[in-house]
Protein backbone atom coordinates (compact mmCIF):
# COMPACT_ATOMS: atom_id res chain seq x y z
CA MET A 1 -40.45 32.57 -23.56
CA HIS A 2 -37.10 34.00 -24.67
CA ALA A 3 -35.62 32.19 -27.67
CA ASN A 4 -32.44 31.23 -25.80
CA ALA A 5 -34.33 30.01 -22.74
CA TYR A 6 -33.96 26.47 -21.53
CA LEU A 7 -37.18 24.49 -21.62
CA HIS A 8 -36.07 22.48 -18.58
CA SER A 9 -34.21 23.84 -15.58
CA GLU A 10 -33.31 20.33 -14.52
CA GLY A 11 -32.19 17.47 -16.65
CA LYS A 12 -30.92 13.92 -16.61
CA ILE A 13 -29.11 11.89 -19.27
CA VAL A 14 -27.60 8.40 -19.24
CA LEU A 15 -24.52 7.58 -21.30
CA PHE A 16 -23.85 3.94 -22.22
CA SER A 17 -20.68 2.14 -23.29
CA ASP A 18 -22.43 0.12 -26.04
CA THR A 19 -25.17 0.59 -28.65
CA ASP A 20 -28.90 0.62 -27.85
CA GLY A 21 -28.39 1.52 -24.18
CA GLN A 22 -26.35 -1.60 -23.49
CA GLY A 23 -23.13 -1.98 -21.54
CA ALA A 24 -22.04 0.08 -18.56
CA GLY A 25 -24.08 3.21 -17.94
CA LYS A 26 -23.48 6.48 -16.13
CA ILE A 27 -26.20 8.93 -15.09
CA PHE A 28 -25.48 12.66 -15.39
CA GLY A 29 -27.73 15.43 -14.18
CA VAL A 30 -28.03 19.17 -13.96
CA ASN A 31 -27.39 20.42 -10.42
CA SER A 32 -25.79 17.06 -9.57
CA GLY A 33 -22.36 18.52 -8.78
CA GLN A 34 -20.90 16.55 -11.71
CA ASN A 35 -18.48 18.27 -14.05
CA LEU A 36 -20.47 18.39 -17.29
CA GLU A 37 -17.88 20.64 -18.94
CA ASN A 38 -15.26 17.88 -18.74
CA ILE A 39 -16.72 14.43 -18.20
CA HIS A 40 -13.21 12.95 -18.24
CA ARG A 41 -13.12 14.11 -14.61
CA GLU A 42 -16.16 11.92 -14.00
CA SER A 43 -14.23 8.93 -15.46
CA TRP A 44 -16.53 8.83 -18.45
CA GLY A 45 -14.98 11.00 -21.20
CA ASP A 46 -14.64 9.36 -24.62
CA LYS A 47 -16.56 6.25 -23.53
CA ALA A 48 -20.15 6.92 -24.67
CA VAL A 49 -21.51 4.87 -27.57
CA SER A 50 -25.21 5.59 -26.95
CA ALA A 51 -27.24 7.98 -24.81
CA TYR A 52 -30.74 8.30 -23.38
CA ALA A 53 -32.13 11.74 -22.46
CA VAL A 54 -34.32 11.01 -19.43
CA LYS A 55 -35.30 14.65 -18.80
CA GLY A 56 -34.53 17.65 -20.97
CA ASN A 57 -33.04 18.06 -24.41
CA TRP A 58 -29.26 17.72 -24.32
CA ILE A 59 -26.30 18.81 -26.42
CA LEU A 60 -23.24 16.57 -26.46
CA PHE A 61 -19.88 18.05 -27.52
CA ASN A 62 -16.79 16.21 -28.73
CA ASP A 63 -14.47 18.59 -26.85
CA ASP A 64 -14.02 19.69 -23.24
CA GLY A 65 -15.51 22.99 -22.17
CA ARG A 66 -18.60 22.50 -24.33
CA ARG A 67 -16.68 23.17 -27.53
CA GLY A 68 -16.28 21.38 -30.82
CA GLU A 69 -18.91 19.60 -32.87
CA LYS A 70 -22.25 19.05 -31.19
CA THR A 71 -25.31 16.86 -31.48
CA VAL A 72 -28.75 17.19 -29.86
CA ILE A 73 -30.50 14.37 -28.03
CA CYS A 74 -34.17 15.04 -27.36
CA GLU A 75 -35.96 14.11 -24.14
CA GLY A 76 -37.20 10.52 -24.21
CA VAL A 77 -34.91 9.51 -27.07
CA MET A 78 -32.31 6.71 -27.04
CA LYS A 79 -29.63 7.53 -29.60
CA ASP A 80 -26.63 5.59 -30.85
CA LEU A 81 -23.85 8.11 -31.33
CA ASP A 82 -22.26 8.40 -34.77
CA GLY A 83 -18.59 8.66 -35.67
CA ASN A 84 -18.10 12.27 -34.53
CA TYR A 85 -19.37 11.47 -31.01
CA ARG A 86 -18.93 7.72 -30.57
CA LYS A 87 -16.32 7.38 -27.85
CA LYS A 88 -15.52 11.08 -28.35
CA THR A 89 -18.09 12.86 -26.16
CA SER A 90 -16.26 15.07 -23.67
CA SER A 91 -18.82 17.59 -22.40
CA MET A 92 -22.55 18.31 -22.43
CA ARG A 93 -25.33 20.61 -21.27
CA LEU A 94 -29.04 21.21 -21.62
CA ALA A 95 -30.01 22.61 -25.02
CA THR A 96 -31.67 25.98 -25.52
CA ILE A 97 -34.85 26.20 -27.58
CA ASP A 98 -32.86 27.95 -30.35
CA GLU A 99 -30.44 25.04 -30.52
CA TYR A 100 -32.89 22.19 -30.92
CA GLY A 101 -35.76 24.06 -32.59
CA SER A 102 -38.09 21.69 -34.40
CA ARG A 103 -35.79 18.67 -33.89
CA CYS A 104 -37.41 17.96 -30.53
CA PRO A 105 -41.16 17.83 -29.84
């Protein structure tokens, strides 16, 4: 498999408005028609406090257009977002194998 290949061609992630998957939640998915490059347009930008990667390994960015600082959330992991991403996540996409490397099983 090519090093920049995506392990999953489909993916699903849930963003939550509180820690530990609590509060209001919004499901995002690859091929869903949602604007993952600017989640403000989905009425969810800068609201996420925690996230759960249902399928696929995801990268969250603190800027629109998949720019800025990024963090990886591995499939099956619930993660409380830290200061750089808490209520600052603006875009996201599936991670390539090069990007998550050994961080995800």
